[in-house]
Amino acid sequence: MTEIVHGSDRRAVEPELIVDHSFSAKPKPADRYRDFYEKLTEYVNRISGPAEALEPSVTARTFGVVEERDAGSVFRYTENASALAGIAALTPTLAVRKVAIIGTGGTGAYVLDLLAKTPVEEIHLYDGDEFLQHNAFRAPGAASLTQLRGRPSKVAYFLGMYDPMRRGIIPHPEYIDRRVSFGARDGEAGDEYEKNIQIAELNALNAVMAVIKWKKLCGFYVDLEREGHSAYIIEGNGLVSDDQGESQ
């Protein structure tokens, strides 16, 4: 493959990355690549092609896991989803200092699942309950028999689930003493939340809507309606917004 040889000299690209050879294979007649992806894949095809001709099963595209080298990152391995989706420039808008999730049994667990994939520095979990068998059927993931028999606190269980992926999840196995009442006011209909009816897909949908709104507040998404409340109507498959703020 001498046609792509550009030069041979030892130099340090980074302190621990030394190269001995360089290559050049600019396309003709443009004499340039459209982007870095086209350039890289061209070199991969040229260099791996002869090997694949001898053994079709070999590949240079191993999708090897890259451990995060940035000590300031919350992730234990490199977050490359943003770059693949072309939203890397927007992701830093979500790097807020702290977020608290109050209650992790149903909707809160799905909120955690979504927030754990963002660069929030600290995610504080507040819940004084244990993670029991019925919780396993309306929470992300799949708890084992061993885990359920151990009766972990909910916050400890979810810390164990997401700690392999990221740092900064801080469990608080306790209740908070501020309270939002879901009870009916005088003259209103009964309390829909009285029986604690929770269904996994509705928990998840509620979490998705909450996280989308949070990302709007962070500037990640455009927010034209600036609604303070949204409701999904199951039987009519409708989404309504209420309590709109001033347009910007």
Protein backbone atom coordinates (compact mmCIF):
# COMPACT_ATOMS: atom_id res chain seq x y z
CA MET A 1 0.00 0.00 0.00
CA THR A 2 2.83 2.35 -0.82
CA GLU A 3 0.46 4.65 -2.72
CA ILE A 4 -0.85 6.10 0.56
CA VAL A 5 2.51 6.45 2.32
CA HIS A 6 3.12 10.08 3.24
CA GLY A 7 6.13 9.92 5.50
CA SER A 8 7.88 8.01 8.26
CA ASP A 9 9.15 9.78 11.35
CA ARG A 10 8.56 9.20 15.05
CA ARG A 11 6.59 11.90 16.85
CA ALA A 12 4.30 12.22 19.85
CA VAL A 13 0.68 13.09 19.11
CA GLU A 14 -0.02 12.89 22.84
CA PRO A 15 2.39 12.03 25.69
CA GLU A 16 1.40 8.36 25.52
CA LEU A 17 0.55 8.18 21.79
CA ILE A 18 3.57 7.83 19.51
CA VAL A 19 3.25 7.48 15.73
CA ASP A 20 5.92 6.30 13.27
CA HIS A 21 4.14 6.68 9.94
CA SER A 22 1.64 8.99 8.28
CA PHE A 23 -0.62 8.41 5.30
CA SER A 24 -2.37 10.50 2.67
CA ALA A 25 -5.11 9.41 0.31
CA LYS A 26 -6.96 12.53 -0.73
CA PRO A 27 -9.81 11.82 -3.17
CA LYS A 28 -9.55 13.16 -6.71
CA PRO A 29 -10.47 15.58 -8.17
CA ALA A 30 -11.83 17.27 -5.02
CA ASP A 31 -8.52 16.73 -3.19
CA ARG A 32 -10.40 16.82 0.13
CA TYR A 33 -12.91 14.80 2.12
CA ARG A 34 -16.41 15.99 2.93
CA ASP A 35 -15.88 15.35 6.64
CA PHE A 36 -13.73 13.46 9.10
CA TYR A 37 -16.02 10.42 9.00
CA GLU A 38 -15.50 9.98 5.25
CA LYS A 39 -11.73 10.37 5.72
CA LEU A 40 -11.50 7.83 8.51
CA THR A 41 -13.68 5.21 6.84
CA GLU A 42 -11.66 5.55 3.63
CA TYR A 43 -8.45 4.74 5.50
CA VAL A 44 -10.12 1.86 7.35
CA ASN A 45 -11.31 0.37 4.05
CA ARG A 46 -7.92 0.75 2.38
CA ILE A 47 -5.93 -0.74 5.25
CA SER A 48 -8.32 -3.53 6.26
CA GLY A 49 -9.31 -4.48 2.69
CA PRO A 50 -6.38 -6.84 2.02
CA ALA A 51 -6.96 -8.62 5.35
CA GLU A 52 -10.68 -9.00 4.63
CA ALA A 53 -9.82 -10.46 1.21
CA LEU A 54 -7.96 -13.26 2.99
CA GLU A 55 -10.43 -13.68 5.87
CA PRO A 56 -13.89 -12.12 5.37
CA SER A 57 -14.79 -12.40 9.06
CA VAL A 58 -12.16 -9.92 10.28
CA THR A 59 -13.10 -6.29 10.85
CA ALA A 60 -11.47 -3.10 12.02
CA ARG A 61 -14.80 -1.89 13.40
CA THR A 62 -14.70 -3.57 16.79
CA PHE A 63 -16.76 -0.93 18.62
CA GLY A 64 -14.38 -1.31 21.53
CA VAL A 65 -15.37 0.40 24.76
CA VAL A 66 -13.45 3.61 25.44
CA GLU A 67 -12.87 4.38 29.11
CA GLU A 68 -13.40 8.03 30.01
CA ARG A 69 -10.04 9.76 30.53
CA ASP A 70 -11.45 13.15 31.51
CA ALA A 71 -11.26 13.25 35.30
CA GLY A 72 -13.97 15.90 35.34
CA SER A 73 -16.53 13.75 33.54
CA VAL A 74 -19.33 12.05 35.46
CA PHE A 75 -19.23 9.08 33.10
CA ARG A 76 -17.01 6.03 33.56
CA TYR A 77 -16.80 5.48 29.80
CA THR A 78 -16.92 8.01 26.99
CA GLU A 79 -20.32 9.46 26.15
CA ASN A 80 -20.32 9.18 22.36
CA ALA A 81 -24.07 9.17 21.73
CA SER A 82 -24.22 12.98 21.47
CA ALA A 83 -21.54 13.07 18.80
CA LEU A 84 -23.26 10.31 16.81
CA ALA A 85 -26.54 12.22 16.98
CA GLY A 86 -24.91 15.54 16.09
CA ILE A 87 -25.99 17.25 19.32
CA ALA A 88 -22.64 17.48 21.10
CA ALA A 89 -22.80 21.28 21.08
CA LEU A 90 -26.10 21.22 23.01
CA THR A 91 -25.24 18.59 25.60
CA PRO A 92 -23.31 20.99 27.90
CA THR A 93 -26.58 22.88 28.56
CA LEU A 94 -27.57 19.89 30.71
CA ALA A 95 -24.43 19.93 32.85
CA VAL A 96 -26.17 21.50 35.82
CA ARG A 97 -24.71 21.22 39.31
CA LYS A 98 -27.43 19.30 41.17
CA VAL A 99 -30.79 17.66 40.55
CA ALA A 100 -32.97 16.02 43.21
CA ILE A 101 -35.45 13.22 42.57
CA ILE A 102 -38.02 12.85 45.33
CA GLY A 103 -39.42 9.34 45.34
CA THR A 104 -37.88 6.57 43.23
CA GLY A 105 -40.55 3.89 43.25
CA GLY A 106 -42.32 4.61 39.97
CA THR A 107 -42.00 7.76 37.87
CA GLY A 108 -38.91 8.85 39.79
CA ALA A 109 -37.05 5.71 38.78
CA TYR A 110 -37.66 6.45 35.09
CA VAL A 111 -36.63 10.07 35.60
CA LEU A 112 -33.37 8.74 37.05
CA ASP A 113 -32.91 6.41 34.09
CA LEU A 114 -33.07 9.38 31.72
CA LEU A 115 -31.07 11.83 33.82
CA ALA A 116 -28.31 9.28 34.42
CA LYS A 117 -27.42 9.59 30.72
CA THR A 118 -26.95 13.37 30.98
CA PRO A 119 -23.91 15.26 32.33
CA VAL A 120 -25.68 16.43 35.52
CA GLU A 121 -22.93 16.56 38.14
CA GLU A 122 -24.95 15.30 41.10
CA ILE A 123 -28.25 13.40 41.13
CA HIS A 124 -29.65 13.21 44.66
CA LEU A 125 -32.18 10.45 45.36
CA TYR A 126 -34.63 10.83 48.27
CA ASP A 127 -36.75 7.86 49.32
CA GLY A 128 -37.17 6.15 52.68
CA ASP A 129 -38.80 2.97 51.34
CA GLU A 130 -37.33 -0.45 50.63
CA PHE A 131 -37.20 -1.89 47.10
CA LEU A 132 -39.75 -4.71 47.26
CA GLN A 133 -41.22 -7.25 44.85
CA HIS A 134 -44.05 -5.07 43.56
CA ASN A 135 -41.56 -2.27 42.87
CA ALA A 136 -39.69 -4.51 40.43
CA PHE A 137 -42.70 -4.60 38.12
CA ARG A 138 -42.92 -0.84 37.65
CA ALA A 139 -39.25 0.16 37.61
CA PRO A 140 -36.61 0.18 34.86
CA GLY A 141 -34.44 -2.90 34.52
CA ALA A 142 -34.96 -6.31 36.08
CA ALA A 143 -34.21 -7.02 39.73
CA SER A 144 -32.96 -10.48 40.65
CA LEU A 145 -34.39 -12.73 43.35
CA THR A 146 -31.22 -12.22 45.35
CA GLN A 147 -31.61 -8.46 45.21
CA LEU A 148 -35.25 -8.60 46.29
CA ARG A 149 -34.52 -10.97 49.16
CA GLY A 150 -31.90 -8.51 50.40
CA ARG A 151 -34.62 -5.83 50.80
CA PRO A 152 -32.34 -2.93 49.85
CA SER A 153 -33.49 0.63 50.21
CA LYS A 154 -34.80 1.98 46.93
CA VAL A 155 -32.05 4.55 46.69
CA ALA A 156 -29.35 1.94 47.36
CA TYR A 157 -30.83 -0.34 44.71
CA PHE A 158 -30.82 2.36 42.05
CA LEU A 159 -27.36 3.53 43.04
CA GLY A 160 -26.13 0.00 42.39
CA MET A 161 -27.90 -0.02 39.01
CA TYR A 162 -26.41 3.20 37.65
CA ASP A 163 -23.10 3.51 39.49
CA PRO A 164 -21.32 1.26 36.93
CA MET A 165 -22.15 3.86 34.27
CA ARG A 166 -21.59 7.15 36.04
CA ARG A 167 -20.49 8.96 39.16
CA GLY A 168 -22.42 11.54 41.15
CA ILE A 169 -25.53 9.59 42.16
CA ILE A 170 -26.04 10.34 45.86
CA PRO A 171 -28.59 8.25 47.80
CA HIS A 172 -30.60 9.60 50.72
CA PRO A 173 -32.58 6.74 52.36
CA GLU A 174 -34.99 9.11 54.03
CA TYR A 175 -38.20 11.00 53.46
CA ILE A 176 -38.36 14.74 53.04
CA ASP A 177 -40.69 16.86 55.18
CA ARG A 178 -42.11 19.12 52.53
CA ARG A 179 -45.33 17.85 50.96
CA VAL A 180 -47.46 18.45 47.87
CA SER A 181 -51.08 17.43 48.41
CA PHE A 182 -52.90 15.52 45.68
CA GLY A 183 -56.13 15.57 47.68
CA ALA A 184 -59.33 17.00 46.28
CA ARG A 185 -60.32 20.55 47.16
CA ASP A 186 -63.73 21.38 48.54
CA GLY A 187 -66.35 20.88 45.88
CA GLU A 188 -64.03 19.01 43.51
CA ALA A 189 -64.11 15.40 42.36
CA GLY A 190 -62.37 12.63 44.30
CA ASP A 191 -58.65 12.16 44.61
CA GLU A 192 -57.41 10.18 41.57
CA TYR A 193 -54.15 9.38 43.35
CA GLU A 194 -55.83 8.02 46.48
CA LYS A 195 -55.45 4.36 45.50
CA ASN A 196 -51.83 4.79 44.38
CA ILE A 197 -52.55 3.33 40.94
CA GLN A 198 -49.22 3.14 39.14
CA ILE A 199 -48.62 1.43 35.81
CA ALA A 200 -45.13 1.07 34.36
CA GLU A 201 -45.80 2.62 30.95
CA LEU A 202 -47.63 5.60 32.47
CA ASN A 203 -44.84 6.06 35.01
CA ALA A 204 -42.37 6.03 32.13
CA LEU A 205 -44.44 8.43 30.00
CA ASN A 206 -44.78 10.85 32.90
CA ALA A 207 -41.01 10.74 33.40
CA VAL A 208 -40.35 11.35 29.71
CA MET A 209 -42.62 14.39 29.70
CA ALA A 210 -40.99 15.72 32.88
CA VAL A 211 -37.45 15.32 31.52
CA ILE A 212 -38.40 16.94 28.20
CA LYS A 213 -39.76 19.92 30.13
CA TRP A 214 -36.58 20.04 32.24
CA LYS A 215 -34.47 20.02 29.07
CA LYS A 216 -36.59 22.89 27.73
CA LEU A 217 -35.86 24.86 30.89
CA CYS A 218 -32.15 24.15 30.41
CA GLY A 219 -32.24 25.44 26.82
CA PHE A 220 -31.69 22.06 25.17
CA TYR A 221 -35.08 22.12 23.43
CA VAL A 222 -37.00 25.06 22.01
CA ASP A 223 -39.97 25.95 24.21
CA LEU A 224 -42.64 27.95 22.38
CA GLU A 225 -45.60 27.11 24.62
CA ARG A 226 -43.76 27.48 27.95
CA GLU A 227 -46.42 25.36 29.59
CA GLY A 228 -46.31 24.76 33.32
CA HIS A 229 -48.52 21.68 33.17
CA SER A 230 -49.15 18.97 30.59
CA ALA A 231 -51.61 16.09 30.58
CA TYR A 232 -51.88 13.04 28.34
CA ILE A 233 -55.43 11.82 27.69
CA ILE A 234 -55.31 8.07 27.13
CA GLU A 235 -58.72 7.44 25.56
CA GLY A 236 -58.36 10.28 23.07
CA ASN A 237 -54.58 9.98 22.58
CA GLY A 238 -54.27 13.71 23.18
CA LEU A 239 -51.70 15.91 24.82
CA VAL A 240 -52.86 19.20 26.32
CA SER A 241 -50.86 22.04 27.82
CA ASP A 242 -51.89 24.50 30.47
CA ASP A 243 -50.49 27.31 32.64
CA GLN A 244 -48.46 28.86 29.82
CA GLY A 245 -45.87 31.46 30.64
CA GLU A 246 -45.06 34.52 28.59
CA SER A 247 -43.66 33.80 25.13
CA GLN A 248 -40.02 34.59 24.44
